[in-house]
Amino acid sequence: MEMTQGNTSPDEESGLDKPHQYRILVVDDSEVLAKTMMWMLEMLGHKVQIATDGPTAIEAAKSFDPEIIILDIGIPEMNGYETCQAMQQYPILQNAIFVAHTGWGQKEHRERSKEAGFDYHLVKPVNFEALKSIISTLSKKML
């Protein structure tokens, strides 16, 4: 919600703390899954962009400056590991939180995602409550 100077939001008027709103980039080669996640995150008040492959994700990240990047591992052109490593080379993304979301949940995949620079590893179908918990944890760290 955009506000002009002098206006207060209903949350401010009621004294309720509003959760931190993040810029989130969702990367998944399934456009349906990406859009579904985008809509759920937008319902929580976040600004969301989507991409469906590695190179497009990198370009989107450079212009959107996401604070959180939810990145599928099995994407075309560059896999999620490569995309994560490439994104981390850009100074604008050095403080971004990387969340792997993938169908690959075995120990070696979790270790490989950590080596690639992911902060979290979620297995599809992603439990939205787990994702909300990660975002909530990040919000508390930002205070």
N, C-alpha and C. Protein backbone atom coordinates (compact mmCIF):
# COMPACT_ATOMS: atom_id res chain seq x y z
N MET A 1 0.85 -1.17 0.00
CA MET A 1 0.00 0.00 0.00
C MET A 1 0.89 1.23 0.00
N GLU A 2 0.71 2.10 -0.98
CA GLU A 2 1.47 3.35 -1.01
C GLU A 2 0.75 4.37 -0.15
N MET A 3 1.54 5.13 0.55
CA MET A 3 0.95 6.15 1.41
C MET A 3 1.61 7.48 1.11
N THR A 4 0.84 8.53 1.20
CA THR A 4 1.41 9.87 1.05
C THR A 4 1.74 10.40 2.43
N GLN A 5 2.56 11.43 2.47
CA GLN A 5 2.97 12.00 3.74
C GLN A 5 1.75 12.44 4.53
N GLY A 6 1.75 12.11 5.82
CA GLY A 6 0.63 12.52 6.68
C GLY A 6 -0.41 11.44 6.86
N ASN A 7 -0.43 10.44 5.99
CA ASN A 7 -1.39 9.36 6.14
C ASN A 7 -0.80 8.28 7.03
N THR A 8 -1.65 7.57 7.73
CA THR A 8 -1.20 6.41 8.50
C THR A 8 -1.97 5.20 8.02
N SER A 9 -1.33 4.06 8.11
CA SER A 9 -1.99 2.83 7.71
C SER A 9 -2.87 2.34 8.85
N PRO A 10 -3.83 1.45 8.57
CA PRO A 10 -4.66 0.88 9.65
C PRO A 10 -3.81 0.20 10.71
N ASP A 11 -2.70 -0.45 10.32
CA ASP A 11 -1.84 -1.10 11.29
C ASP A 11 -1.20 -0.08 12.22
N GLU A 12 -0.77 1.06 11.65
CA GLU A 12 -0.15 2.09 12.48
C GLU A 12 -1.19 2.69 13.43
N GLU A 13 -2.39 2.90 12.94
CA GLU A 13 -3.43 3.48 13.77
C GLU A 13 -3.82 2.56 14.91
N SER A 14 -3.79 1.24 14.65
CA SER A 14 -4.20 0.29 15.68
C SER A 14 -3.06 -0.06 16.62
N GLY A 15 -1.82 0.38 16.26
CA GLY A 15 -0.67 0.07 17.09
C GLY A 15 -0.10 -1.31 16.83
N LEU A 16 -0.60 -2.02 15.82
CA LEU A 16 -0.08 -3.35 15.51
C LEU A 16 1.20 -3.23 14.73
N ASP A 17 2.15 -4.11 15.01
CA ASP A 17 3.38 -4.16 14.24
C ASP A 17 3.11 -4.86 12.92
N LYS A 18 3.52 -4.23 11.86
CA LYS A 18 3.36 -4.82 10.53
C LYS A 18 4.65 -5.56 10.20
N PRO A 19 4.56 -6.82 9.70
CA PRO A 19 5.78 -7.54 9.36
C PRO A 19 6.55 -6.85 8.25
N HIS A 20 7.86 -7.07 8.25
CA HIS A 20 8.72 -6.47 7.22
C HIS A 20 8.30 -7.00 5.85
N GLN A 21 8.24 -6.12 4.89
CA GLN A 21 7.88 -6.50 3.52
C GLN A 21 9.17 -6.64 2.71
N TYR A 22 9.34 -7.76 2.04
CA TYR A 22 10.55 -8.03 1.29
C TYR A 22 10.32 -7.98 -0.21
N ARG A 23 11.42 -7.74 -0.93
CA ARG A 23 11.45 -7.94 -2.38
C ARG A 23 11.95 -9.37 -2.57
N ILE A 24 11.12 -10.19 -3.21
CA ILE A 24 11.42 -11.62 -3.34
C ILE A 24 11.41 -12.00 -4.82
N LEU A 25 12.47 -12.68 -5.25
CA LEU A 25 12.55 -13.21 -6.60
C LEU A 25 12.30 -14.71 -6.52
N VAL A 26 11.30 -15.18 -7.26
CA VAL A 26 10.97 -16.61 -7.32
C VAL A 26 11.41 -17.12 -8.69
N VAL A 27 12.25 -18.16 -8.68
CA VAL A 27 12.77 -18.72 -9.92
C VAL A 27 12.37 -20.18 -9.99
N ASP A 28 11.57 -20.52 -11.00
CA ASP A 28 11.13 -21.90 -11.21
C ASP A 28 10.79 -22.07 -12.67
N ASP A 29 11.21 -23.19 -13.26
CA ASP A 29 10.91 -23.42 -14.67
C ASP A 29 9.44 -23.75 -14.90
N SER A 30 8.72 -24.07 -13.84
CA SER A 30 7.27 -24.25 -13.95
C SER A 30 6.61 -22.90 -13.69
N GLU A 31 6.11 -22.29 -14.75
CA GLU A 31 5.49 -20.98 -14.60
C GLU A 31 4.29 -21.03 -13.65
N VAL A 32 3.57 -22.14 -13.66
CA VAL A 32 2.41 -22.30 -12.77
C VAL A 32 2.86 -22.27 -11.31
N LEU A 33 3.91 -23.02 -10.99
CA LEU A 33 4.42 -23.02 -9.61
C LEU A 33 4.97 -21.66 -9.22
N ALA A 34 5.70 -21.03 -10.12
CA ALA A 34 6.26 -19.71 -9.83
C ALA A 34 5.16 -18.69 -9.57
N LYS A 35 4.13 -18.69 -10.41
CA LYS A 35 3.03 -17.74 -10.22
C LYS A 35 2.26 -18.03 -8.94
N THR A 36 2.05 -19.30 -8.63
CA THR A 36 1.34 -19.65 -7.40
C THR A 36 2.10 -19.15 -6.18
N MET A 37 3.40 -19.38 -6.16
CA MET A 37 4.20 -18.90 -5.04
C MET A 37 4.20 -17.38 -5.00
N MET A 38 4.28 -16.74 -6.16
CA MET A 38 4.24 -15.29 -6.23
C MET A 38 2.95 -14.76 -5.60
N TRP A 39 1.83 -15.35 -5.97
CA TRP A 39 0.54 -14.88 -5.44
C TRP A 39 0.46 -15.07 -3.94
N MET A 40 0.96 -16.20 -3.43
CA MET A 40 0.91 -16.43 -1.98
C MET A 40 1.79 -15.42 -1.25
N LEU A 41 2.97 -15.14 -1.79
CA LEU A 41 3.85 -14.17 -1.15
C LEU A 41 3.30 -12.75 -1.25
N GLU A 42 2.66 -12.43 -2.37
CA GLU A 42 2.04 -11.11 -2.51
C GLU A 42 0.90 -10.95 -1.51
N MET A 43 0.18 -12.04 -1.23
CA MET A 43 -0.90 -11.97 -0.23
C MET A 43 -0.35 -11.62 1.15
N LEU A 44 0.92 -11.95 1.39
CA LEU A 44 1.56 -11.60 2.65
C LEU A 44 2.13 -10.18 2.62
N GLY A 45 2.01 -9.51 1.47
CA GLY A 45 2.42 -8.13 1.35
C GLY A 45 3.79 -7.91 0.73
N HIS A 46 4.43 -8.97 0.25
CA HIS A 46 5.77 -8.83 -0.33
C HIS A 46 5.68 -8.42 -1.80
N LYS A 47 6.75 -7.80 -2.30
CA LYS A 47 6.87 -7.49 -3.72
C LYS A 47 7.60 -8.66 -4.36
N VAL A 48 7.03 -9.21 -5.41
CA VAL A 48 7.56 -10.44 -5.98
C VAL A 48 7.72 -10.32 -7.49
N GLN A 49 8.83 -10.84 -7.99
CA GLN A 49 9.03 -11.02 -9.43
C GLN A 49 9.35 -12.49 -9.65
N ILE A 50 9.08 -12.97 -10.86
CA ILE A 50 9.39 -14.35 -11.18
C ILE A 50 10.29 -14.42 -12.41
N ALA A 51 11.04 -15.52 -12.49
CA ALA A 51 11.86 -15.85 -13.65
C ALA A 51 11.80 -17.36 -13.81
N THR A 52 12.05 -17.84 -15.04
CA THR A 52 11.91 -19.27 -15.31
C THR A 52 13.20 -19.96 -15.72
N ASP A 53 14.32 -19.21 -15.79
CA ASP A 53 15.61 -19.83 -16.09
C ASP A 53 16.72 -19.01 -15.45
N GLY A 54 17.93 -19.57 -15.44
CA GLY A 54 19.05 -18.93 -14.78
C GLY A 54 19.42 -17.56 -15.30
N PRO A 55 19.70 -17.42 -16.61
CA PRO A 55 20.09 -16.10 -17.13
C PRO A 55 19.03 -15.02 -16.90
N THR A 56 17.76 -15.37 -17.08
CA THR A 56 16.68 -14.41 -16.84
C THR A 56 16.62 -14.03 -15.36
N ALA A 57 16.85 -15.01 -14.49
CA ALA A 57 16.85 -14.74 -13.04
C ALA A 57 17.96 -13.78 -12.67
N ILE A 58 19.14 -13.96 -13.25
CA ILE A 58 20.27 -13.08 -12.94
C ILE A 58 19.96 -11.65 -13.37
N GLU A 59 19.42 -11.48 -14.57
CA GLU A 59 19.07 -10.14 -15.04
C GLU A 59 17.99 -9.51 -14.17
N ALA A 60 16.98 -10.30 -13.81
CA ALA A 60 15.91 -9.79 -12.95
C ALA A 60 16.46 -9.37 -11.60
N ALA A 61 17.37 -10.18 -11.05
CA ALA A 61 17.94 -9.88 -9.73
C ALA A 61 18.74 -8.59 -9.76
N LYS A 62 19.47 -8.36 -10.83
CA LYS A 62 20.30 -7.14 -10.92
C LYS A 62 19.44 -5.88 -10.93
N SER A 63 18.26 -5.94 -11.52
CA SER A 63 17.41 -4.74 -11.58
C SER A 63 16.42 -4.67 -10.41
N PHE A 64 15.98 -5.81 -9.89
CA PHE A 64 14.95 -5.85 -8.84
C PHE A 64 15.57 -5.74 -7.44
N ASP A 65 16.84 -6.12 -7.29
CA ASP A 65 17.55 -6.09 -6.02
C ASP A 65 16.77 -6.83 -4.92
N PRO A 66 16.51 -8.13 -5.12
CA PRO A 66 15.73 -8.87 -4.14
C PRO A 66 16.49 -9.09 -2.83
N GLU A 67 15.74 -9.12 -1.75
CA GLU A 67 16.32 -9.44 -0.45
C GLU A 67 16.29 -10.95 -0.21
N ILE A 68 15.34 -11.62 -0.86
CA ILE A 68 15.21 -13.08 -0.77
C ILE A 68 15.08 -13.62 -2.18
N ILE A 69 15.82 -14.70 -2.46
CA ILE A 69 15.75 -15.35 -3.77
C ILE A 69 15.37 -16.81 -3.53
N ILE A 70 14.21 -17.20 -4.03
CA ILE A 70 13.73 -18.58 -3.91
C ILE A 70 13.99 -19.22 -5.26
N LEU A 71 14.93 -20.17 -5.28
CA LEU A 71 15.52 -20.63 -6.53
C LEU A 71 15.41 -22.14 -6.67
N ASP A 72 14.73 -22.58 -7.72
CA ASP A 72 14.64 -23.99 -8.06
C ASP A 72 16.02 -24.46 -8.52
N ILE A 73 16.38 -25.70 -8.20
CA ILE A 73 17.67 -26.23 -8.62
C ILE A 73 17.63 -26.71 -10.07
N GLY A 74 16.54 -27.36 -10.47
CA GLY A 74 16.44 -27.94 -11.80
C GLY A 74 15.83 -26.99 -12.82
N ILE A 75 16.53 -25.90 -13.11
CA ILE A 75 16.03 -24.94 -14.09
C ILE A 75 16.88 -25.01 -15.35
N PRO A 76 16.34 -24.56 -16.48
CA PRO A 76 17.08 -24.66 -17.75
C PRO A 76 18.20 -23.63 -17.88
N GLU A 77 19.08 -23.92 -18.80
CA GLU A 77 20.22 -23.09 -19.22
C GLU A 77 21.34 -23.06 -18.19
N MET A 78 21.05 -22.74 -16.96
CA MET A 78 22.00 -22.81 -15.84
C MET A 78 21.22 -23.44 -14.70
N ASN A 79 21.77 -24.46 -14.05
CA ASN A 79 21.01 -25.02 -12.94
C ASN A 79 21.02 -24.06 -11.76
N GLY A 80 20.25 -24.36 -10.75
CA GLY A 80 20.12 -23.47 -9.60
C GLY A 80 21.41 -23.27 -8.85
N TYR A 81 22.25 -24.30 -8.78
CA TYR A 81 23.55 -24.16 -8.12
C TYR A 81 24.40 -23.10 -8.85
N GLU A 82 24.47 -23.22 -10.17
CA GLU A 82 25.25 -22.28 -10.98
C GLU A 82 24.67 -20.87 -10.89
N THR A 83 23.35 -20.78 -10.91
CA THR A 83 22.69 -19.49 -10.85
C THR A 83 22.95 -18.81 -9.51
N CYS A 84 22.87 -19.58 -8.43
CA CYS A 84 23.14 -19.04 -7.09
C CYS A 84 24.56 -18.51 -7.01
N GLN A 85 25.51 -19.30 -7.49
CA GLN A 85 26.92 -18.88 -7.44
C GLN A 85 27.15 -17.63 -8.30
N ALA A 86 26.52 -17.58 -9.47
CA ALA A 86 26.68 -16.41 -10.34
C ALA A 86 26.08 -15.16 -9.69
N MET A 87 24.92 -15.30 -9.07
CA MET A 87 24.26 -14.15 -8.43
C MET A 87 25.09 -13.60 -7.29
N GLN A 88 25.78 -14.46 -6.59
CA GLN A 88 26.55 -14.02 -5.43
C GLN A 88 27.78 -13.20 -5.83
N GLN A 89 28.09 -13.15 -7.10
CA GLN A 89 29.22 -12.35 -7.59
C GLN A 89 28.86 -10.88 -7.72
N TYR A 90 27.57 -10.56 -7.67
CA TYR A 90 27.13 -9.17 -7.83
C TYR A 90 27.02 -8.51 -6.46
N PRO A 91 27.71 -7.38 -6.26
CA PRO A 91 27.68 -6.70 -4.96
C PRO A 91 26.26 -6.39 -4.47
N ILE A 92 25.36 -6.09 -5.39
CA ILE A 92 23.99 -5.74 -5.01
C ILE A 92 23.27 -6.92 -4.34
N LEU A 93 23.74 -8.15 -4.58
CA LEU A 93 23.07 -9.35 -4.05
C LEU A 93 23.84 -10.00 -2.90
N GLN A 94 24.89 -9.36 -2.42
CA GLN A 94 25.71 -9.97 -1.38
C GLN A 94 24.97 -10.23 -0.08
N ASN A 95 23.94 -9.46 0.22
CA ASN A 95 23.19 -9.65 1.45
C ASN A 95 21.88 -10.40 1.23
N ALA A 96 21.63 -10.84 0.01
CA ALA A 96 20.39 -11.57 -0.28
C ALA A 96 20.42 -12.93 0.40
N ILE A 97 19.24 -13.40 0.77
CA ILE A 97 19.06 -14.73 1.34
C ILE A 97 18.64 -15.66 0.21
N PHE A 98 19.36 -16.77 0.05
CA PHE A 98 19.07 -17.73 -1.01
C PHE A 98 18.38 -18.95 -0.43
N VAL A 99 17.21 -19.27 -1.00
CA VAL A 99 16.43 -20.42 -0.56
C VAL A 99 16.29 -21.37 -1.75
N ALA A 100 16.86 -22.57 -1.61
CA ALA A 100 16.67 -23.59 -2.65
C ALA A 100 15.28 -24.18 -2.47
N HIS A 101 14.56 -24.35 -3.55
CA HIS A 101 13.30 -25.11 -3.50
C HIS A 101 13.35 -26.08 -4.66
N THR A 102 13.33 -27.36 -4.30
CA THR A 102 13.64 -28.39 -5.26
C THR A 102 12.99 -29.72 -4.90
N GLY A 103 12.91 -30.59 -5.86
CA GLY A 103 12.43 -31.94 -5.60
C GLY A 103 13.55 -32.83 -5.07
N TRP A 104 14.76 -32.30 -5.02
CA TRP A 104 15.92 -33.08 -4.62
C TRP A 104 16.21 -32.82 -3.14
N GLY A 105 15.92 -33.81 -2.31
CA GLY A 105 16.07 -33.61 -0.87
C GLY A 105 17.06 -34.54 -0.20
N GLN A 106 17.80 -35.33 -0.97
CA GLN A 106 18.77 -36.23 -0.38
C GLN A 106 19.93 -35.44 0.23
N LYS A 107 20.66 -36.12 1.13
CA LYS A 107 21.75 -35.48 1.85
C LYS A 107 22.75 -34.82 0.91
N GLU A 108 23.12 -35.50 -0.18
CA GLU A 108 24.11 -34.93 -1.10
C GLU A 108 23.60 -33.66 -1.79
N HIS A 109 22.28 -33.59 -2.03
CA HIS A 109 21.72 -32.38 -2.63
C HIS A 109 21.72 -31.23 -1.64
N ARG A 110 21.40 -31.52 -0.39
CA ARG A 110 21.43 -30.49 0.65
C ARG A 110 22.85 -29.96 0.85
N GLU A 111 23.83 -30.88 0.83
CA GLU A 111 25.22 -30.46 0.99
C GLU A 111 25.67 -29.63 -0.22
N ARG A 112 25.27 -30.06 -1.40
CA ARG A 112 25.66 -29.31 -2.60
C ARG A 112 25.03 -27.92 -2.61
N SER A 113 23.78 -27.80 -2.16
CA SER A 113 23.16 -26.47 -2.13
C SER A 113 23.87 -25.57 -1.12
N LYS A 114 24.30 -26.13 0.00
CA LYS A 114 25.04 -25.33 0.98
C LYS A 114 26.37 -24.87 0.38
N GLU A 115 27.07 -25.78 -0.31
CA GLU A 115 28.34 -25.44 -0.96
C GLU A 115 28.16 -24.35 -2.02
N ALA A 116 27.01 -24.36 -2.70
CA ALA A 116 26.74 -23.37 -3.74
C ALA A 116 26.39 -22.00 -3.16
N GLY A 117 26.08 -21.95 -1.86
CA GLY A 117 25.79 -20.67 -1.23
C GLY A 117 24.36 -20.47 -0.78
N PHE A 118 23.54 -21.52 -0.87
CA PHE A 118 22.16 -21.40 -0.39
C PHE A 118 22.14 -21.33 1.13
N ASP A 119 21.25 -20.50 1.66
CA ASP A 119 21.07 -20.38 3.11
C ASP A 119 20.08 -21.39 3.64
N TYR A 120 19.10 -21.78 2.81
CA TYR A 120 18.06 -22.73 3.20
C TYR A 120 17.81 -23.68 2.04
N HIS A 121 17.29 -24.88 2.36
CA HIS A 121 16.98 -25.89 1.35
C HIS A 121 15.60 -26.46 1.66
N LEU A 122 14.62 -26.15 0.83
CA LEU A 122 13.26 -26.65 0.99
C LEU A 122 12.95 -27.64 -0.13
N VAL A 123 12.27 -28.73 0.23
CA VAL A 123 11.93 -29.76 -0.75
C VAL A 123 10.49 -29.56 -1.22
N LYS A 124 10.30 -29.67 -2.54
CA LYS A 124 8.96 -29.56 -3.13
C LYS A 124 8.15 -30.81 -2.80
N PRO A 125 6.86 -30.68 -2.64
CA PRO A 125 6.14 -29.40 -2.64
C PRO A 125 6.52 -28.62 -1.39
N VAL A 126 6.86 -27.35 -1.60
CA VAL A 126 7.30 -26.51 -0.50
C VAL A 126 6.14 -26.28 0.46
N ASN A 127 6.42 -26.56 1.72
CA ASN A 127 5.45 -26.28 2.77
C ASN A 127 5.45 -24.77 2.98
N PHE A 128 4.35 -24.12 2.66
CA PHE A 128 4.30 -22.66 2.72
C PHE A 128 4.50 -22.15 4.14
N GLU A 129 4.08 -22.93 5.13
CA GLU A 129 4.31 -22.51 6.52
C GLU A 129 5.80 -22.49 6.84
N ALA A 130 6.56 -23.44 6.28
CA ALA A 130 8.02 -23.45 6.48
C ALA A 130 8.64 -22.21 5.84
N LEU A 131 8.18 -21.85 4.65
CA LEU A 131 8.69 -20.66 3.98
C LEU A 131 8.33 -19.40 4.78
N LYS A 132 7.11 -19.32 5.27
CA LYS A 132 6.71 -18.18 6.10
C LYS A 132 7.56 -18.10 7.36
N SER A 133 7.92 -19.24 7.92
CA SER A 133 8.75 -19.28 9.11
C SER A 133 10.15 -18.72 8.82
N ILE A 134 10.70 -19.08 7.66
CA ILE A 134 12.01 -18.54 7.26
C ILE A 134 11.92 -17.03 7.13
N ILE A 135 10.88 -16.54 6.47
CA ILE A 135 10.71 -15.10 6.29
C ILE A 135 10.53 -14.42 7.63
N SER A 136 9.77 -15.02 8.53
CA SER A 136 9.56 -14.46 9.86
C SER A 136 10.88 -14.39 10.64
N THR A 137 11.70 -15.43 10.52
CA THR A 137 13.00 -15.45 11.19
C THR A 137 13.88 -14.32 10.66
N LEU A 138 13.84 -14.11 9.35
CA LEU A 138 14.61 -13.03 8.74
C LEU A 138 14.15 -11.67 9.25
N SER A 139 12.84 -11.52 9.38
CA SER A 139 12.28 -10.26 9.86
C SER A 139 12.80 -9.94 11.27
N LYS A 140 12.88 -10.96 12.12
CA LYS A 140 13.36 -10.75 13.48
C LYS A 140 14.84 -10.37 13.49
N LYS A 141 15.62 -10.92 12.57
CA LYS A 141 17.04 -10.60 12.48
C LYS A 141 17.24 -9.15 12.02
N MET A 142 16.29 -8.63 11.22
CA MET A 142 16.41 -7.29 10.67
C MET A 142 16.16 -6.21 11.73
N LEU A 143 15.51 -6.58 12.82
CA LEU A 143 15.15 -5.58 13.84
C LEU A 143 16.37 -5.10 14.60
